[in-house]
Structure formats: C-alpha cells, structure tokens
Amino acid sequence: MGRERPDAPPVPAPDARVVKWSIGSVTLHLEEPNIFLGKALSVLVLSLALLPILALKSNIPAILYVGALVVIHILVLAIYFYRVRFRELDPNFRSLFVRIIALAVVTYLLVIVSRFEPDSSWLTLSYQMLGITIFHALLLVLIMVRVGPRS
C-alpha cells in the first residue's frame, strides 16, 4: 500500500537546466539556457565594441580595421562553439539538412544586414548592430538546440 517496488528505477526529477519545445513530431531541447544567455550577451557586447571601429573606419589604417574585425569574429566563433556537442544535435539526416539550410539562410540575412555605409550616423550603426545581434542570437539557437523525438 503506497510502497514502491525496490527494483523500480527512480523517476528522474525535471532538469531545470533544459528548456523544451514540442513542434510536430519533434522536441527541441535547449540545454543549459544560462550558457545560451551568456553567449548572447557576449555577442551583444562584441557587436557593440564594433561601433567605434565602424564609425572610425575611414580614419584608421585598413590593417588595423581588418585586424580588429578578424579578432572580434574569432572571439564570436569561439563563443558560438563553446560547449556545443555537435554529434548530439540531430537524430537523423533530415533534421541535420533542415538545420544546415536554416544556418545558410540566417547567415545570408546576417551578411545583408551587416553592410555598413561609411558615413552612417551612430544611431543608424546602432540599429544595424541590433539587427546583427538578433541574427547572431538566431545562429546561436540553431547551433545549440538539440532535436529529439516528441516525448
């Protein structure tokens, strides 16, 4: 009466470090959402660090401008791939194919948004950086969210 069998497996407690969404026949898992938020904030800070560089683009040597862009983008790539387990993201080739297509589309949109005019105002550059940050967050979602069967 009310006793559990000693050989029954324990019921795992819900993991607060996983955010799940069910869409159709699949469930999307964002493990460690705090890491996602940290990555998104880091990319936002690095994007904002580009504002003075973009504003001074025509007044600084090209090698310095390109060097700053390369350093910032290497840092962003390191942030993107930190603690991502690629082999666990997709259960089959269909979801991998959809992920790759989505990454290509978002990357294309990111390239379109990141075209800067040399004489843009700080406000215009700030709006463009906001758009870039949104697309970077979408890329982070596409890189970090694991696909699994609906549970």
C-alpha atoms as a PDB file:
ATOM      1  CA  MET A   1       0.000   0.000   0.000  1.00  0.00           C
ATOM      2  CA  GLY A   2       1.811   3.116  -1.235  1.00  0.00           C
ATOM      3  CA  ARG A   3       5.123   1.270  -1.297  1.00  0.00           C
ATOM      4  CA  GLU A   4       7.282   1.373  -4.359  1.00  0.00           C
ATOM      5  CA  ARG A   5       8.989  -1.719  -5.625  1.00  0.00           C
ATOM      6  CA  PRO A   6      12.663  -1.760  -4.677  1.00  0.00           C
ATOM      7  CA  ASP A   7      13.663  -2.833  -8.205  1.00  0.00           C
ATOM      8  CA  ALA A   8      11.815   0.027  -9.931  1.00  0.00           C
ATOM      9  CA  PRO A   9      14.096   2.657 -11.494  1.00  0.00           C
ATOM     10  CA  PRO A  10      13.977   6.046  -9.805  1.00  0.00           C
ATOM     11  CA  VAL A  11      11.961   8.722 -11.561  1.00  0.00           C
ATOM     12  CA  PRO A  12      14.337  11.494 -12.576  1.00  0.00           C
ATOM     13  CA  ALA A  13      13.479  14.980 -11.377  1.00  0.00           C
ATOM     14  CA  PRO A  14      12.779  17.505 -14.125  1.00  0.00           C
ATOM     15  CA  ASP A  15      16.002  19.215 -15.122  1.00  0.00           C
ATOM     16  CA  ALA A  16      15.761  22.972 -14.662  1.00  0.00           C
ATOM     17  CA  ARG A  17      18.742  23.410 -16.976  1.00  0.00           C
ATOM     18  CA  VAL A  18      16.815  22.238 -20.054  1.00  0.00           C
ATOM     19  CA  VAL A  19      14.203  24.233 -21.944  1.00  0.00           C
ATOM     20  CA  LYS A  20      11.973  22.126 -24.217  1.00  0.00           C
ATOM     21  CA  TRP A  21       9.607  22.985 -27.052  1.00  0.00           C
ATOM     22  CA  SER A  22       7.452  20.427 -28.852  1.00  0.00           C
ATOM     23  CA  ILE A  23       6.814  21.102 -32.532  1.00  0.00           C
ATOM     24  CA  GLY A  24       5.002  18.478 -34.547  1.00  0.00           C
ATOM     25  CA  SER A  25       6.690  15.138 -34.053  1.00  0.00           C
ATOM     26  CA  VAL A  26       9.908  16.521 -32.535  1.00  0.00           C
ATOM     27  CA  THR A  27      11.003  18.143 -29.316  1.00  0.00           C
ATOM     28  CA  LEU A  28      13.641  20.867 -29.297  1.00  0.00           C
ATOM     29  CA  HIS A  29      15.949  20.897 -26.261  1.00  0.00           C
ATOM     30  CA  LEU A  30      17.994  23.907 -25.216  1.00  0.00           C
ATOM     31  CA  GLU A  31      20.328  22.515 -22.603  1.00  0.00           C
ATOM     32  CA  GLU A  32      21.918  24.975 -20.216  1.00  0.00           C
ATOM     33  CA  PRO A  33      19.948  28.110 -21.142  1.00  0.00           C
ATOM     34  CA  ASN A  34      22.213  30.155 -18.857  1.00  0.00           C
ATOM     35  CA  ILE A  35      25.132  29.395 -21.166  1.00  0.00           C
ATOM     36  CA  PHE A  36      22.975  30.472 -24.119  1.00  0.00           C
ATOM     37  CA  LEU A  37      22.168  33.770 -22.386  1.00  0.00           C
ATOM     38  CA  GLY A  38      25.846  34.300 -21.553  1.00  0.00           C
ATOM     39  CA  LYS A  39      26.797  33.661 -25.166  1.00  0.00           C
ATOM     40  CA  ALA A  40      24.092  36.004 -26.459  1.00  0.00           C
ATOM     41  CA  LEU A  41      25.208  38.769 -24.088  1.00  0.00           C
ATOM     42  CA  SER A  42      28.858  38.230 -25.060  1.00  0.00           C
ATOM     43  CA  VAL A  43      27.997  38.528 -28.750  1.00  0.00           C
ATOM     44  CA  LEU A  44      25.985  41.676 -27.983  1.00  0.00           C
ATOM     45  CA  VAL A  45      28.967  43.229 -26.170  1.00  0.00           C
ATOM     46  CA  LEU A  46      31.333  42.309 -29.016  1.00  0.00           C
ATOM     47  CA  SER A  47      28.865  43.737 -31.552  1.00  0.00           C
ATOM     48  CA  LEU A  48      28.710  46.977 -29.587  1.00  0.00           C
ATOM     49  CA  ALA A  49      32.518  47.007 -29.487  1.00  0.00           C
ATOM     50  CA  LEU A  50      32.404  47.238 -33.275  1.00  0.00           C
ATOM     51  CA  LEU A  51      30.525  50.558 -33.226  1.00  0.00           C
ATOM     52  CA  PRO A  52      33.574  52.799 -32.640  1.00  0.00           C
ATOM     53  CA  ILE A  53      35.604  50.782 -35.130  1.00  0.00           C
ATOM     54  CA  LEU A  54      32.898  51.174 -37.793  1.00  0.00           C
ATOM     55  CA  ALA A  55      32.499  54.873 -37.042  1.00  0.00           C
ATOM     56  CA  LEU A  56      36.248  55.406 -37.483  1.00  0.00           C
ATOM     57  CA  LYS A  57      36.570  53.089 -40.488  1.00  0.00           C
ATOM     58  CA  SER A  58      37.678  55.801 -42.905  1.00  0.00           C
ATOM     59  CA  ASN A  59      40.039  57.408 -40.363  1.00  0.00           C
ATOM     60  CA  ILE A  60      42.091  54.370 -39.291  1.00  0.00           C
ATOM     61  CA  PRO A  61      44.565  52.273 -41.284  1.00  0.00           C
ATOM     62  CA  ALA A  62      42.976  49.410 -43.193  1.00  0.00           C
ATOM     63  CA  ILE A  63      45.201  46.821 -41.499  1.00  0.00           C
ATOM     64  CA  LEU A  64      44.011  47.963 -38.071  1.00  0.00           C
ATOM     65  CA  TYR A  65      40.373  47.883 -39.176  1.00  0.00           C
ATOM     66  CA  VAL A  66      40.652  44.417 -40.711  1.00  0.00           C
ATOM     67  CA  GLY A  67      42.673  43.140 -37.758  1.00  0.00           C
ATOM     68  CA  ALA A  68      40.013  44.302 -35.298  1.00  0.00           C
ATOM     69  CA  LEU A  69      37.286  42.652 -37.386  1.00  0.00           C
ATOM     70  CA  VAL A  70      39.212  39.378 -37.549  1.00  0.00           C
ATOM     71  CA  VAL A  71      39.873  39.322 -33.787  1.00  0.00           C
ATOM     72  CA  ILE A  72      36.237  40.060 -32.938  1.00  0.00           C
ATOM     73  CA  HIS A  73      34.954  37.402 -35.348  1.00  0.00           C
ATOM     74  CA  ILE A  74      37.356  34.770 -33.994  1.00  0.00           C
ATOM     75  CA  LEU A  75      36.079  35.559 -30.499  1.00  0.00           C
ATOM     76  CA  VAL A  76      32.474  35.235 -31.717  1.00  0.00           C
ATOM     77  CA  LEU A  77      33.223  31.845 -33.297  1.00  0.00           C
ATOM     78  CA  ALA A  78      34.843  30.647 -30.068  1.00  0.00           C
ATOM     79  CA  ILE A  79      31.744  31.787 -28.168  1.00  0.00           C
ATOM     80  CA  TYR A  80      29.450  30.039 -30.674  1.00  0.00           C
ATOM     81  CA  PHE A  81      31.121  26.668 -30.392  1.00  0.00           C
ATOM     82  CA  TYR A  82      31.850  26.647 -26.652  1.00  0.00           C
ATOM     83  CA  ARG A  83      30.288  23.520 -25.086  1.00  0.00           C
ATOM     84  CA  VAL A  84      28.329  22.511 -28.194  1.00  0.00           C
ATOM     85  CA  ARG A  85      28.130  18.751 -28.747  1.00  0.00           C
ATOM     86  CA  PHE A  86      27.502  18.547 -32.487  1.00  0.00           C
ATOM     87  CA  ARG A  87      27.051  14.772 -32.612  1.00  0.00           C
ATOM     88  CA  GLU A  88      24.070  15.020 -30.264  1.00  0.00           C
ATOM     89  CA  LEU A  89      22.168  17.814 -32.043  1.00  0.00           C
ATOM     90  CA  ASP A  90      20.352  15.906 -34.790  1.00  0.00           C
ATOM     91  CA  PRO A  91      18.866  12.401 -34.628  1.00  0.00           C
ATOM     92  CA  ASN A  92      18.719  11.956 -38.430  1.00  0.00           C
ATOM     93  CA  PHE A  93      19.831  13.470 -41.716  1.00  0.00           C
ATOM     94  CA  ARG A  94      16.506  15.234 -42.289  1.00  0.00           C
ATOM     95  CA  SER A  95      16.872  17.422 -39.207  1.00  0.00           C
ATOM     96  CA  LEU A  96      20.575  17.963 -39.989  1.00  0.00           C
ATOM     97  CA  PHE A  97      19.625  19.085 -43.514  1.00  0.00           C
ATOM     98  CA  VAL A  98      16.975  21.483 -42.164  1.00  0.00           C
ATOM     99  CA  ARG A  99      19.493  22.882 -39.664  1.00  0.00           C
ATOM    100  CA  ILE A 100      22.107  23.457 -42.387  1.00  0.00           C
ATOM    101  CA  ILE A 101      19.565  25.196 -44.651  1.00  0.00           C
ATOM    102  CA  ALA A 102      18.403  27.387 -41.735  1.00  0.00           C
ATOM    103  CA  LEU A 103      22.025  28.266 -40.875  1.00  0.00           C
ATOM    104  CA  ALA A 104      22.649  29.237 -44.508  1.00  0.00           C
ATOM    105  CA  VAL A 105      19.526  31.442 -44.647  1.00  0.00           C
ATOM    106  CA  VAL A 106      20.301  33.202 -41.349  1.00  0.00           C
ATOM    107  CA  THR A 107      23.947  33.690 -42.378  1.00  0.00           C
ATOM    108  CA  TYR A 108      22.784  35.225 -45.669  1.00  0.00           C
ATOM    109  CA  LEU A 109      20.445  37.584 -43.783  1.00  0.00           C
ATOM    110  CA  LEU A 110      23.292  38.453 -41.405  1.00  0.00           C
ATOM    111  CA  VAL A 111      25.502  39.394 -44.364  1.00  0.00           C
ATOM    112  CA  ILE A 112      22.753  41.598 -45.823  1.00  0.00           C
ATOM    113  CA  VAL A 113      22.175  43.405 -42.507  1.00  0.00           C
ATOM    114  CA  SER A 114      25.895  43.933 -41.910  1.00  0.00           C
ATOM    115  CA  ARG A 115      26.539  46.169 -44.909  1.00  0.00           C
ATOM    116  CA  PHE A 116      27.576  49.474 -43.423  1.00  0.00           C
ATOM    117  CA  GLU A 117      27.735  52.847 -45.146  1.00  0.00           C
ATOM    118  CA  PRO A 118      30.949  54.743 -44.362  1.00  0.00           C
ATOM    119  CA  ASP A 119      29.141  57.928 -43.320  1.00  0.00           C
ATOM    120  CA  SER A 120      26.380  56.324 -41.232  1.00  0.00           C
ATOM    121  CA  SER A 121      25.329  58.016 -38.023  1.00  0.00           C
ATOM    122  CA  TRP A 122      25.780  56.384 -34.616  1.00  0.00           C
ATOM    123  CA  LEU A 123      22.025  55.818 -34.469  1.00  0.00           C
ATOM    124  CA  THR A 124      21.993  54.012 -37.824  1.00  0.00           C
ATOM    125  CA  LEU A 125      25.003  51.910 -36.810  1.00  0.00           C
ATOM    126  CA  SER A 126      23.292  51.084 -33.513  1.00  0.00           C
ATOM    127  CA  TYR A 127      20.141  49.889 -35.299  1.00  0.00           C
ATOM    128  CA  GLN A 128      22.240  47.773 -37.626  1.00  0.00           C
ATOM    129  CA  MET A 129      24.058  46.279 -34.631  1.00  0.00           C
ATOM    130  CA  LEU A 130      20.695  45.453 -33.056  1.00  0.00           C
ATOM    131  CA  GLY A 131      19.721  43.592 -36.232  1.00  0.00           C
ATOM    132  CA  ILE A 132      23.060  41.809 -36.304  1.00  0.00           C
ATOM    133  CA  THR A 133      22.669  40.818 -32.646  1.00  0.00           C
ATOM    134  CA  ILE A 134      19.222  39.353 -33.360  1.00  0.00           C
ATOM    135  CA  PHE A 135      20.602  37.290 -36.243  1.00  0.00           C
ATOM    136  CA  HIS A 136      23.539  36.183 -34.073  1.00  0.00           C
ATOM    137  CA  ALA A 137      21.042  35.014 -31.436  1.00  0.00           C
ATOM    138  CA  LEU A 138      19.198  33.016 -34.132  1.00  0.00           C
ATOM    139  CA  LEU A 139      22.507  31.447 -35.163  1.00  0.00           C
ATOM    140  CA  LEU A 140      23.168  30.549 -31.525  1.00  0.00           C
ATOM    141  CA  VAL A 141      19.759  28.885 -31.298  1.00  0.00           C
ATOM    142  CA  LEU A 142      20.435  26.925 -34.486  1.00  0.00           C
ATOM    143  CA  ILE A 143      23.812  25.803 -33.170  1.00  0.00           C
ATOM    144  CA  MET A 144      22.759  24.962 -29.609  1.00  0.00           C
ATOM    145  CA  VAL A 145      19.246  23.474 -29.826  1.00  0.00           C
ATOM    146  CA  ARG A 146      19.135  19.661 -29.909  1.00  0.00           C
ATOM    147  CA  VAL A 147      16.379  17.862 -31.843  1.00  0.00           C
ATOM    148  CA  GLY A 148      14.768  14.749 -30.401  1.00  0.00           C
ATOM    149  CA  PRO A 149      11.592  12.698 -30.798  1.00  0.00           C
ATOM    150  CA  ARG A 150       8.458  14.068 -29.180  1.00  0.00           C
ATOM    151  CA  SER A 151       8.154  12.703 -25.664  1.00  0.00           C
END
